[in-house]
């Protein structure tokens, strides 16, 4: 965040919690949120999926899930990111 505010980097995928005050003060400009829906904290900031249909990368928003629902979420997320890793030919170092 310090490098972003100091102009050392020009873009970041930062969580709302750590950047919202800088956005509200005008020090940073939020381009989009990566969640499926707009954030209630920044309702005027669009989602990436408004420009790239189907895009979603959640930010750890607390969810009230049963153990079975949580298991399904983990399986779904694992498969989603496995496809990204395979498509990008990412290999462990």
Protein backbone atom coordinates (compact mmCIF):
# COMPACT_ATOMS: atom_id res chain seq x y z
CA UNK A 1 0.00 0.00 0.00
CA UNK A 2 2.87 2.36 0.80
CA UNK A 3 4.38 1.83 -2.67
CA UNK A 4 0.98 2.35 -4.30
CA UNK A 5 0.37 5.59 -2.41
CA UNK A 6 3.95 6.69 -3.06
CA UNK A 7 3.69 6.12 -6.81
CA UNK A 8 6.22 3.26 -6.88
CA UNK A 9 3.55 0.96 -8.38
CA UNK A 10 0.59 2.05 -10.47
CA UNK A 11 -1.93 -0.73 -9.87
CA UNK A 12 -2.76 -3.20 -7.16
CA UNK A 13 -5.33 -5.85 -6.35
CA UNK A 14 -5.86 -4.65 -2.79
CA UNK A 15 -8.58 -5.68 -0.39
CA UNK A 16 -11.28 -3.17 0.41
CA UNK A 17 -10.47 -3.13 4.12
CA UNK A 18 -6.94 -1.87 3.55
CA UNK A 19 -7.74 0.62 0.83
CA UNK A 20 -11.23 2.02 1.39
CA UNK A 21 -10.13 5.07 3.36
CA UNK A 22 -7.60 5.97 0.67
CA UNK A 23 -10.32 5.59 -1.99
CA UNK A 24 -12.77 7.72 -0.01
CA UNK A 25 -10.13 10.41 0.59
CA UNK A 26 -9.27 10.52 -3.12
CA UNK A 27 -5.69 9.30 -2.68
CA UNK A 28 -6.53 6.15 -4.65
CA UNK A 29 -9.00 5.47 -7.44
CA UNK A 30 -10.81 2.14 -7.36
CA UNK A 31 -11.25 0.80 -10.88
CA UNK A 32 -13.33 -2.26 -10.01
CA UNK A 33 -14.02 -4.91 -7.41
CA UNK A 34 -13.37 -8.58 -8.16
CA UNK A 35 -16.43 -9.97 -6.40
CA UNK A 36 -19.55 -11.06 -8.30
CA UNK A 37 -21.59 -8.12 -6.98
CA UNK A 38 -20.73 -4.53 -6.28
CA UNK A 39 -19.53 -3.87 -2.75
CA UNK A 40 -21.99 -2.12 -0.42
CA UNK A 41 -18.96 -0.21 0.92
CA UNK A 42 -18.15 1.17 -2.56
CA UNK A 43 -21.45 0.98 -4.49
CA UNK A 44 -20.29 3.27 -7.30
CA UNK A 45 -17.30 1.05 -8.13
CA UNK A 46 -18.17 -1.49 -10.85
CA UNK A 47 -17.31 -5.17 -10.77
CA UNK A 48 -14.73 -6.65 -13.14
CA UNK A 49 -17.52 -8.90 -14.43
CA UNK A 50 -19.28 -5.83 -15.81
CA UNK A 51 -16.38 -5.64 -18.31
CA UNK A 52 -15.28 -9.30 -18.40
CA UNK A 53 -18.42 -11.46 -18.19
CA UNK A 54 -18.11 -14.35 -15.76
CA UNK A 55 -15.07 -12.97 -13.91
CA UNK A 56 -15.13 -13.41 -10.15
CA UNK A 57 -12.38 -13.63 -7.57
CA UNK A 58 -13.84 -13.31 -4.09
CA UNK A 59 -12.10 -11.43 -1.32
CA UNK A 60 -12.82 -13.57 1.78
CA UNK A 61 -16.22 -11.97 2.59
CA UNK A 62 -17.55 -14.00 5.55
CA UNK A 63 -20.10 -16.61 4.53
CA UNK A 64 -22.49 -18.54 6.75
CA UNK A 65 -22.19 -22.04 5.31
CA UNK A 66 -22.94 -25.54 6.48
CA UNK A 67 -20.03 -28.00 6.43
CA UNK A 68 -21.43 -29.51 3.22
CA UNK A 69 -21.79 -26.08 1.57
CA UNK A 70 -18.25 -25.18 2.63
CA UNK A 71 -16.96 -28.44 1.14
CA UNK A 72 -18.71 -27.65 -2.15
CA UNK A 73 -17.27 -24.12 -2.14
CA UNK A 74 -13.75 -25.50 -1.65
CA UNK A 75 -14.22 -28.04 -4.43
CA UNK A 76 -15.64 -25.43 -6.80
CA UNK A 77 -12.86 -22.91 -6.06
CA UNK A 78 -10.19 -25.58 -6.43
CA UNK A 79 -11.51 -26.55 -9.85
CA UNK A 80 -11.93 -22.93 -10.96
CA UNK A 81 -8.35 -21.98 -10.07
CA UNK A 82 -6.97 -25.28 -11.38
CA UNK A 83 -8.38 -24.34 -14.81
CA UNK A 84 -6.66 -20.94 -14.60
CA UNK A 85 -3.36 -22.59 -13.61
CA UNK A 86 -3.58 -25.10 -16.46
CA UNK A 87 -4.57 -22.46 -19.03
CA UNK A 88 -1.68 -20.22 -17.98
CA UNK A 89 0.76 -23.16 -17.89
CA UNK A 90 1.81 -22.26 -14.36
CA UNK A 91 4.30 -24.70 -12.88
CA UNK A 92 5.61 -24.87 -9.31
CA UNK A 93 9.17 -23.64 -8.86
